[in-house]
C-alpha cells in the first residue's frame, strides 16, 4: 500500500484550496521541484488499520458458527469499540491545550451529522449480521465487495466524484465478481442449508453493502462542509483528533441504537446462557467478543481516516482489499470450501483493485506533468517580462 497517495474529492479539494492558497505558497510552489508520488503517512496508517481489522468479520462468523444468535448484539460488536478512542482523544486535547481545546472540538453541526450517520451505520451493521448468520464468511465477504460500486455511485451523486476509465472499470469488475456467486444452483451454499435461507442472506448482504456504501460518501460530505476550519486553525487534512472524535460520535450513536434493539429483543438476559452453551467454551466466548470489537474498531478507524485524509472512494477500495484477506482466513481457520465461482469472483475483484491503483497512478502522473508545463510557461513568461525594456 506504499504506492497509494491521498487524492481528495472535489468537495475537499475546493475547501483545501481556500484554506491553503496565499501568495507565499504560490511563490514556493513555483520554485519547488517537480511533484513526486509521495504517499501521505496518514493514508498509509489508515490503510494498515483497515488491514489489521480484517479479523473482525472472521471473529463475527466464529460467533455465529459456534452458537451465537443475538443479531443486535453482533451488530453492536461492530461499532462498540469506540471507548478505546477516549484515551488518545484525551491525550490529544492535553497536548493541544496551549492552542485552545475549543479549536480541537468537533463543530456542533458536524457532531450532529456524525450521530445521524452513526445510527444509519448501525442499521447497516445489523443487516450485515443477518447476512453473516446465513452465509459462509468467504461468500459474505465477496458480496460486501459490492459496497465499492454503491460507494462510487453515491460519491458521484453527493461528493462530486469524477469517474476515470480505470475507476469505472474497477467498479464494474468489483460488482461483477460477487455476482458470479449467484451463477448456478447452490453456488457457495453450505451443504444442508435451505435455498431460501441462503438467498435471503445473499440479499441481506447486498443491502448491507448498499447502505454502508451510502454512509461513506455522506461522511465525506459532512467532513468537508462542517469539519474544516478557516483562518489560523485551518488544517488540510484536519488533525487526527478530529477523525477520532468523528468515529467516537458515530460509534456512540450506533451503539445506542444497538442497545435499544438488544433491550427490545431481551439480548441482555440471553447472553449468560449463550456463553454457557458456546461451542468453544465460556472463556473463549468472551475472548471472541472482546477481540472482535477491537478488530472492528481498527477497521472503522482506518476507514474514517481514509475518508478524511483522502476520499470515500479510497475507503471503499480498501474495504474491497479485505476480500482476499477474508478469503484466506476463512479457508484456513473455518475450513470453508473454496470453489470455482469464488475463485472467479476473487480474480475479478483483485483485477478491479489493480485497475483502480493503475488508474490513480496514471492520473497523478498526468497532473504532475500538467503542473510542470504550467511552471515552465510561467517561468518563460517571467523571463520575457524581465527582459523587456
Protein backbone atom coordinates (compact mmCIF):
# COMPACT_ATOMS: atom_id res chain seq x y z
CA UNK A 1 0.00 0.00 0.00
CA UNK A 2 3.01 2.27 -0.08
CA UNK A 3 2.05 3.49 -3.53
CA UNK A 4 -1.31 4.87 -2.52
CA UNK A 5 -1.35 8.66 -2.41
CA UNK A 6 -4.04 10.80 -0.86
CA UNK A 7 -6.35 12.16 -3.55
CA UNK A 8 -9.07 14.30 -2.05
CA UNK A 9 -12.54 14.54 -3.52
CA UNK A 10 -13.65 17.68 -5.41
CA UNK A 11 -15.57 18.88 -2.33
CA UNK A 12 -12.49 18.60 -0.14
CA UNK A 13 -10.19 19.99 -2.82
CA UNK A 14 -12.28 23.17 -3.06
CA UNK A 15 -12.12 23.78 0.68
CA UNK A 16 -8.45 22.81 0.76
CA UNK A 17 -7.57 25.37 -1.90
CA UNK A 18 -9.35 28.11 0.03
CA UNK A 19 -7.54 27.24 3.25
CA UNK A 20 -4.05 26.96 1.79
CA UNK A 21 -3.86 29.50 -1.05
CA UNK A 22 -1.64 32.51 -0.42
CA UNK A 23 0.98 34.49 -2.37
CA UNK A 24 3.78 32.93 -0.30
CA UNK A 25 2.58 29.41 -1.04
CA UNK A 26 2.18 30.24 -4.74
CA UNK A 27 5.73 31.54 -4.92
CA UNK A 28 7.02 28.49 -3.08
CA UNK A 29 5.14 26.18 -5.46
CA UNK A 30 6.60 27.96 -8.46
CA UNK A 31 10.12 27.42 -7.16
CA UNK A 32 9.51 23.87 -6.00
CA UNK A 33 10.83 20.79 -7.74
CA UNK A 34 8.53 18.70 -9.95
CA UNK A 35 5.90 16.79 -7.98
CA UNK A 36 6.66 13.25 -6.97
CA UNK A 37 4.45 10.42 -5.85
CA UNK A 38 4.80 10.81 -2.11
CA UNK A 39 2.27 8.78 -0.14
CA UNK A 40 0.54 10.51 2.73
CA UNK A 41 1.64 8.97 6.06
CA UNK A 42 -1.91 9.23 7.41
CA UNK A 43 -3.30 7.42 4.38
CA UNK A 44 -0.77 4.61 4.81
CA UNK A 45 -1.50 4.45 8.55
CA UNK A 46 -5.26 4.30 7.96
CA UNK A 47 -4.88 1.64 5.26
CA UNK A 48 -2.82 -0.51 7.65
CA UNK A 49 -5.53 -0.18 10.31
CA UNK A 50 -8.13 -1.40 7.83
CA UNK A 51 -5.99 -4.47 7.08
CA UNK A 52 -5.45 -5.13 10.80
CA UNK A 53 -9.22 -5.10 11.22
CA UNK A 54 -9.62 -7.96 8.74
CA UNK A 55 -10.13 -10.39 11.63
CA UNK A 56 -13.37 -8.63 12.59
CA UNK A 57 -15.56 -10.43 10.00
CA UNK A 58 -13.75 -13.70 10.80
CA UNK A 59 -14.49 -13.50 14.54
CA UNK A 60 -18.08 -12.48 13.86
CA UNK A 61 -18.50 -15.62 11.77
CA UNK A 62 -16.88 -17.65 14.58
CA UNK A 63 -19.50 -16.24 16.92
CA UNK A 64 -22.34 -17.46 14.69
CA UNK A 65 -20.75 -20.82 13.78
CA UNK A 66 -20.31 -21.86 17.42
CA UNK A 67 -23.74 -20.97 18.70
CA UNK A 68 -24.12 -17.18 18.76
CA UNK A 69 -27.57 -16.00 17.71
CA UNK A 70 -28.07 -12.46 19.02
CA UNK A 71 -28.24 -10.18 15.96
CA UNK A 72 -28.42 -6.78 17.63
CA UNK A 73 -25.59 -7.82 19.93
CA UNK A 74 -23.46 -8.91 16.98
CA UNK A 75 -24.21 -5.57 15.30
CA UNK A 76 -23.10 -3.78 18.47
CA UNK A 77 -19.78 -5.62 18.33
CA UNK A 78 -19.06 -3.94 15.01
CA UNK A 79 -19.32 -0.40 16.41
CA UNK A 80 -18.97 -0.61 20.20
CA UNK A 81 -15.16 -0.37 20.32
CA UNK A 82 -15.25 3.45 20.27
CA UNK A 83 -14.40 3.83 24.04
CA UNK A 84 -10.87 2.75 23.06
CA UNK A 85 -10.53 6.19 21.45
CA UNK A 86 -11.25 8.15 24.62
CA UNK A 87 -7.68 7.88 25.93
CA UNK A 88 -5.93 9.05 22.72
CA UNK A 89 -8.52 11.82 22.33
CA UNK A 90 -7.81 12.98 25.88
CA UNK A 91 -4.06 12.91 25.25
CA UNK A 92 -4.53 14.95 22.07
CA UNK A 93 -6.57 17.55 23.97
CA UNK A 94 -3.93 17.73 26.70
CA UNK A 95 -1.09 18.21 24.20
CA UNK A 96 -3.02 20.85 22.26
CA UNK A 97 -4.32 22.77 25.29
CA UNK A 98 -1.97 25.72 24.68
CA UNK A 99 -3.69 26.34 21.34
CA UNK A 100 -7.14 26.09 22.89
CA UNK A 101 -9.13 22.89 23.31
CA UNK A 102 -12.10 24.56 21.65
CA UNK A 103 -10.14 24.60 18.39
CA UNK A 104 -9.92 20.80 18.52
CA UNK A 105 -13.53 20.02 19.39
CA UNK A 106 -15.95 18.93 16.70
CA UNK A 107 -18.25 21.62 15.40
CA UNK A 108 -21.80 21.09 16.73
CA UNK A 109 -23.22 20.60 13.22
CA UNK A 110 -20.56 18.00 12.43
CA UNK A 111 -21.24 16.17 15.69
CA UNK A 112 -24.96 16.12 14.87
CA UNK A 113 -24.29 14.79 11.39
CA UNK A 114 -21.98 12.15 12.85
CA UNK A 115 -24.68 10.99 15.25
CA UNK A 116 -27.22 10.57 12.45
CA UNK A 117 -24.73 8.74 10.24
CA UNK A 118 -23.73 6.53 13.16
CA UNK A 119 -27.34 5.46 13.63
CA UNK A 120 -27.60 4.72 9.91
CA UNK A 121 -24.37 2.73 10.03
CA UNK A 122 -25.73 0.70 12.98
CA UNK A 123 -28.66 -0.36 10.80
CA UNK A 124 -26.17 -1.40 8.12
CA UNK A 125 -24.26 -3.47 10.70
CA UNK A 126 -27.49 -5.19 11.79
CA UNK A 127 -28.33 -6.12 8.20
CA UNK A 128 -24.76 -7.33 7.71
CA UNK A 129 -25.14 -9.53 10.80
CA UNK A 130 -28.28 -11.05 9.29
CA UNK A 131 -26.37 -11.97 6.14
CA UNK A 132 -23.32 -13.23 8.05
CA UNK A 133 -25.51 -15.55 10.07
CA UNK A 134 -26.78 -17.29 6.92
CA UNK A 135 -23.71 -17.25 4.65
CA UNK A 136 -20.13 -18.55 4.84
CA UNK A 137 -17.59 -15.83 5.58
CA UNK A 138 -15.96 -16.17 2.16
CA UNK A 139 -19.31 -15.65 0.41
CA UNK A 140 -20.44 -12.72 2.57
CA UNK A 141 -17.03 -11.07 2.12
CA UNK A 142 -17.31 -11.31 -1.65
CA UNK A 143 -20.78 -9.80 -1.51
CA UNK A 144 -19.50 -6.97 0.68
CA UNK A 145 -17.11 -6.07 -2.15
CA UNK A 146 -20.14 -4.66 -4.00
CA UNK A 147 -20.03 -1.86 -1.45
CA UNK A 148 -17.44 -0.20 -3.68
CA UNK A 149 -19.94 0.11 -6.52
CA UNK A 150 -22.52 1.68 -4.24
CA UNK A 151 -19.87 3.98 -2.74
CA UNK A 152 -18.81 5.12 -6.21
CA UNK A 153 -22.38 5.85 -7.29
CA UNK A 154 -23.28 7.74 -4.12
CA UNK A 155 -19.93 9.59 -4.17
CA UNK A 156 -20.75 10.68 -7.72
CA UNK A 157 -24.15 11.94 -6.59
CA UNK A 158 -23.24 13.58 -3.28
CA UNK A 159 -19.46 14.20 -3.22
CA UNK A 160 -18.86 15.19 -6.85
CA UNK A 161 -16.70 12.15 -7.71
CA UNK A 162 -15.32 12.26 -11.25
CA UNK A 163 -15.00 8.86 -12.88
CA UNK A 164 -11.99 7.88 -14.97
CA UNK A 165 -11.93 4.88 -17.33
CA UNK A 166 -9.86 2.96 -14.78
CA UNK A 167 -12.05 3.75 -11.78
CA UNK A 168 -15.17 2.89 -13.80
CA UNK A 169 -13.55 -0.40 -14.84
CA UNK A 170 -12.68 -1.15 -11.22
CA UNK A 171 -16.26 -0.52 -10.08
CA UNK A 172 -17.66 -2.76 -12.82
CA UNK A 173 -15.25 -5.62 -12.07
CA UNK A 174 -15.78 -5.38 -8.32
CA UNK A 175 -19.53 -5.59 -8.95
CA UNK A 176 -19.47 -8.44 -11.45
CA UNK A 177 -17.13 -10.51 -9.28
CA UNK A 178 -19.56 -11.08 -6.41
CA UNK A 179 -22.42 -11.53 -8.90
CA UNK A 180 -20.64 -14.66 -10.16
CA UNK A 181 -21.55 -16.29 -6.85
CA UNK A 182 -25.15 -16.38 -7.96
CA UNK A 183 -24.35 -18.43 -11.08
CA UNK A 184 -25.53 -21.99 -10.89
CA UNK A 185 -27.61 -23.74 -8.24
CA UNK A 186 -26.08 -23.79 -4.78
CA UNK A 187 -23.01 -21.79 -5.71
CA UNK A 188 -21.32 -21.13 -2.40
CA UNK A 189 -24.31 -22.53 -0.46
CA UNK A 190 -23.32 -24.65 2.55
CA UNK A 191 -24.45 -28.27 2.46
CA UNK A 192 -27.74 -28.86 4.19
CA UNK A 193 -28.80 -25.21 4.18
CA UNK A 194 -32.16 -24.31 2.65
CA UNK A 195 -32.04 -22.32 -0.57
CA UNK A 196 -34.44 -19.75 0.87
CA UNK A 197 -32.13 -19.13 3.83
CA UNK A 198 -29.11 -18.80 1.53
CA UNK A 199 -30.75 -16.37 -0.89
CA UNK A 200 -32.21 -14.34 1.96
CA UNK A 201 -28.71 -13.95 3.39
CA UNK A 202 -27.46 -13.15 -0.11
CA UNK A 203 -29.91 -10.25 -0.47
CA UNK A 204 -29.26 -9.05 3.08
CA UNK A 205 -25.51 -8.84 2.43
CA UNK A 206 -26.13 -6.81 -0.73
CA UNK A 207 -28.49 -4.49 1.18
CA UNK A 208 -25.87 -4.01 3.92
CA UNK A 209 -23.26 -3.17 1.28
CA UNK A 210 -25.60 -0.62 -0.32
CA UNK A 211 -26.36 1.11 2.98
CA UNK A 212 -22.70 1.19 4.01
CA UNK A 213 -21.87 2.50 0.54
CA UNK A 214 -24.26 5.39 1.19
CA UNK A 215 -22.77 6.21 4.60
CA UNK A 216 -19.17 6.63 3.38
CA UNK A 217 -19.81 9.49 0.90
CA UNK A 218 -22.15 11.18 3.36
CA UNK A 219 -19.37 11.15 5.97
CA UNK A 220 -17.05 12.70 3.38
CA UNK A 221 -19.57 15.43 2.60
CA UNK A 222 -20.16 16.13 6.32
CA UNK A 223 -16.43 16.40 7.00
CA UNK A 224 -15.94 18.69 4.00
CA UNK A 225 -18.81 21.03 4.90
CA UNK A 226 -18.65 21.14 8.68
CA UNK A 227 -15.23 19.75 9.63
CA UNK A 228 -12.92 22.33 8.04
CA UNK A 229 -11.84 25.38 9.96
CA UNK A 230 -10.75 28.69 8.48
CA UNK A 231 -8.10 31.13 9.47
CA UNK A 232 -5.07 30.19 11.59
CA UNK A 233 -6.68 26.97 12.82
CA UNK A 234 -7.27 25.60 9.31
CA UNK A 235 -5.51 22.34 8.51
CA UNK A 236 -5.92 20.11 5.47
CA UNK A 237 -6.31 17.31 6.28
CA UNK A 238 -7.69 18.18 9.72
CA UNK A 239 -5.85 16.97 12.85
CA UNK A 240 -6.28 13.29 13.55
CA UNK A 241 -8.11 14.09 16.76
CA UNK A 242 -10.96 15.28 14.54
CA UNK A 243 -11.02 11.88 12.85
CA UNK A 244 -11.09 10.11 16.22
CA UNK A 245 -13.86 12.33 17.55
CA UNK A 246 -15.98 11.75 14.46
CA UNK A 247 -15.53 7.99 14.81
CA UNK A 248 -16.35 8.17 18.53
CA UNK A 249 -19.54 10.14 17.91
CA UNK A 250 -20.67 7.75 15.19
CA UNK A 251 -19.79 4.74 17.35
CA UNK A 252 -21.64 6.09 20.40
CA UNK A 253 -24.78 6.86 18.38
CA UNK A 254 -24.69 3.49 16.64
CA UNK A 255 -24.13 1.67 19.93
CA UNK A 256 -27.16 3.42 21.42
CA UNK A 257 -29.30 2.13 18.54
CA UNK A 258 -27.99 -1.41 19.02
CA UNK A 259 -28.51 -1.29 22.79
CA UNK A 260 -32.12 -0.27 22.21
CA UNK A 261 -32.56 -3.24 19.87
CA UNK A 262 -30.91 -5.55 22.42
CA UNK A 263 -33.32 -4.36 25.10
CA UNK A 264 -36.31 -4.97 22.85
CA UNK A 265 -35.09 -8.47 21.91
CA UNK A 266 -34.07 -9.35 25.52
CA UNK A 267 -30.47 -9.94 24.49
CA UNK A 268 -29.09 -8.89 27.87
CA UNK A 269 -30.88 -11.72 29.66
CA UNK A 270 -29.94 -14.26 26.98
CA UNK A 271 -26.18 -13.59 26.88
CA UNK A 272 -25.19 -15.60 30.03
CA UNK A 273 -26.95 -18.73 28.79
CA UNK A 274 -25.48 -18.22 25.31
CA UNK A 275 -21.99 -18.02 26.83
CA UNK A 276 -22.58 -21.22 28.78
CA UNK A 277 -23.55 -23.17 25.65
CA UNK A 278 -20.97 -21.61 23.30
CA UNK A 279 -19.16 -24.26 21.28
CA UNK A 280 -15.66 -23.05 22.19
CA UNK A 281 -16.35 -22.61 25.89
CA UNK A 282 -17.43 -19.74 28.10
CA UNK A 283 -13.99 -18.14 28.40
CA UNK A 284 -13.40 -18.22 24.67
CA UNK A 285 -16.87 -16.76 24.16
CA UNK A 286 -15.90 -13.56 25.91
CA UNK A 287 -12.47 -13.51 24.28
CA UNK A 288 -14.07 -13.75 20.84
CA UNK A 289 -16.40 -10.86 21.69
CA UNK A 290 -13.64 -8.62 23.04
CA UNK A 291 -11.22 -9.16 20.17
CA UNK A 292 -13.99 -8.88 17.61
CA UNK A 293 -14.95 -5.44 18.97
CA UNK A 294 -11.29 -4.36 18.92
CA UNK A 295 -10.78 -5.59 15.34
CA UNK A 296 -13.90 -3.84 14.07
CA UNK A 297 -12.81 -0.63 15.78
CA UNK A 298 -9.45 -0.77 13.99
CA UNK A 299 -11.27 -1.27 10.69
CA UNK A 300 -13.73 1.57 11.35
CA UNK A 301 -10.97 3.93 12.46
CA UNK A 302 -8.96 3.16 9.34
CA UNK A 303 -11.96 3.76 7.09
CA UNK A 304 -12.69 7.08 8.80
CA UNK A 305 -9.06 8.13 8.37
CA UNK A 306 -9.14 7.30 4.65
CA UNK A 307 -12.35 9.28 4.16
CA UNK A 308 -10.94 12.33 5.95
CA UNK A 309 -7.40 12.26 4.56
CA UNK A 310 -8.27 11.06 1.05
CA UNK A 311 -11.77 10.18 -0.19
CA UNK A 312 -14.70 7.86 0.41
CA UNK A 313 -13.87 6.02 -2.83
CA UNK A 314 -10.42 5.10 -1.50
CA UNK A 315 -12.07 3.91 1.71
CA UNK A 316 -14.37 1.69 -0.36
CA UNK A 317 -11.37 0.39 -2.29
CA UNK A 318 -9.61 -0.59 0.95
CA UNK A 319 -12.72 -2.39 2.17
CA UNK A 320 -12.64 -4.34 -1.09
CA UNK A 321 -8.99 -5.19 -0.40
CA UNK A 322 -10.17 -7.10 2.68
CA UNK A 323 -11.74 -9.60 0.28
CA UNK A 324 -8.65 -11.76 -0.36
CA UNK A 325 -7.63 -11.48 3.29
CA UNK A 326 -11.04 -12.71 4.46
CA UNK A 327 -10.98 -15.48 1.86
CA UNK A 328 -7.66 -16.81 3.10
CA UNK A 329 -8.64 -16.54 6.77
CA UNK A 330 -11.95 -18.32 6.16
CA UNK A 331 -10.28 -21.22 4.33
CA UNK A 332 -7.51 -21.59 6.94
CA UNK A 333 -9.40 -21.17 10.20
CA UNK A 334 -13.00 -22.07 9.35
CA UNK A 335 -12.20 -24.74 6.73
CA UNK A 336 -14.68 -23.27 4.28
CA UNK A 337 -14.75 -24.61 0.74
CA UNK A 338 -13.08 -22.51 -1.95
CA UNK A 339 -14.86 -23.50 -5.16
CA UNK A 340 -14.79 -22.29 -8.76
CA UNK A 341 -17.28 -19.41 -8.52
CA UNK A 342 -15.46 -18.00 -5.51
CA UNK A 343 -12.15 -18.25 -7.36
CA UNK A 344 -13.53 -16.38 -10.38
CA UNK A 345 -15.07 -13.73 -8.15
CA UNK A 346 -11.78 -13.31 -6.30
CA UNK A 347 -9.77 -12.89 -9.51
CA UNK A 348 -12.22 -10.32 -10.89
CA UNK A 349 -12.16 -8.38 -7.61
CA UNK A 350 -8.35 -8.32 -7.49
CA UNK A 351 -8.30 -7.29 -11.15
CA UNK A 352 -10.63 -4.39 -10.36
CA UNK A 353 -8.45 -3.28 -7.46
CA UNK A 354 -5.31 -3.37 -9.63
CA UNK A 355 -7.14 -1.35 -12.29
CA UNK A 356 -8.01 1.32 -9.76
CA UNK A 357 -4.43 1.59 -8.47
CA UNK A 358 -3.04 1.84 -12.01
CA UNK A 359 -5.60 4.49 -12.92
CA UNK A 360 -4.76 6.54 -9.84
CA UNK A 361 -1.05 6.37 -10.65
CA UNK A 362 -1.67 7.42 -14.25
CA UNK A 363 -3.90 10.29 -13.12
CA UNK A 364 -1.26 11.53 -10.67
CA UNK A 365 1.37 11.37 -13.42
CA UNK A 366 -0.79 13.45 -15.77
CA UNK A 367 -1.43 16.01 -13.05
CA UNK A 368 2.30 16.25 -12.29
CA UNK A 369 3.14 16.74 -15.97
CA UNK A 370 0.47 19.43 -16.28
CA UNK A 371 1.88 21.29 -13.29
CA UNK A 372 5.39 21.08 -14.73
CA UNK A 373 4.17 22.54 -18.03
CA UNK A 374 2.39 25.36 -16.21
CA UNK A 375 5.52 26.13 -14.18
CA UNK A 376 7.63 26.12 -17.35
CA UNK A 377 5.24 28.51 -19.11
CA UNK A 378 5.12 30.78 -16.06
CA UNK A 379 8.92 30.84 -15.83
CA UNK A 380 9.27 31.58 -19.53
CA UNK A 381 6.71 34.37 -19.32
CA UNK A 382 8.52 35.85 -16.33
CA UNK A 383 11.85 35.79 -18.17
CA UNK A 384 10.34 37.57 -21.17
CA UNK A 385 8.80 40.26 -18.96
CA UNK A 386 12.09 40.86 -17.12
CA UNK A 387 13.98 41.11 -20.45
CA UNK A 388 11.50 43.63 -21.90
CA UNK A 389 12.77 47.30 -21.93
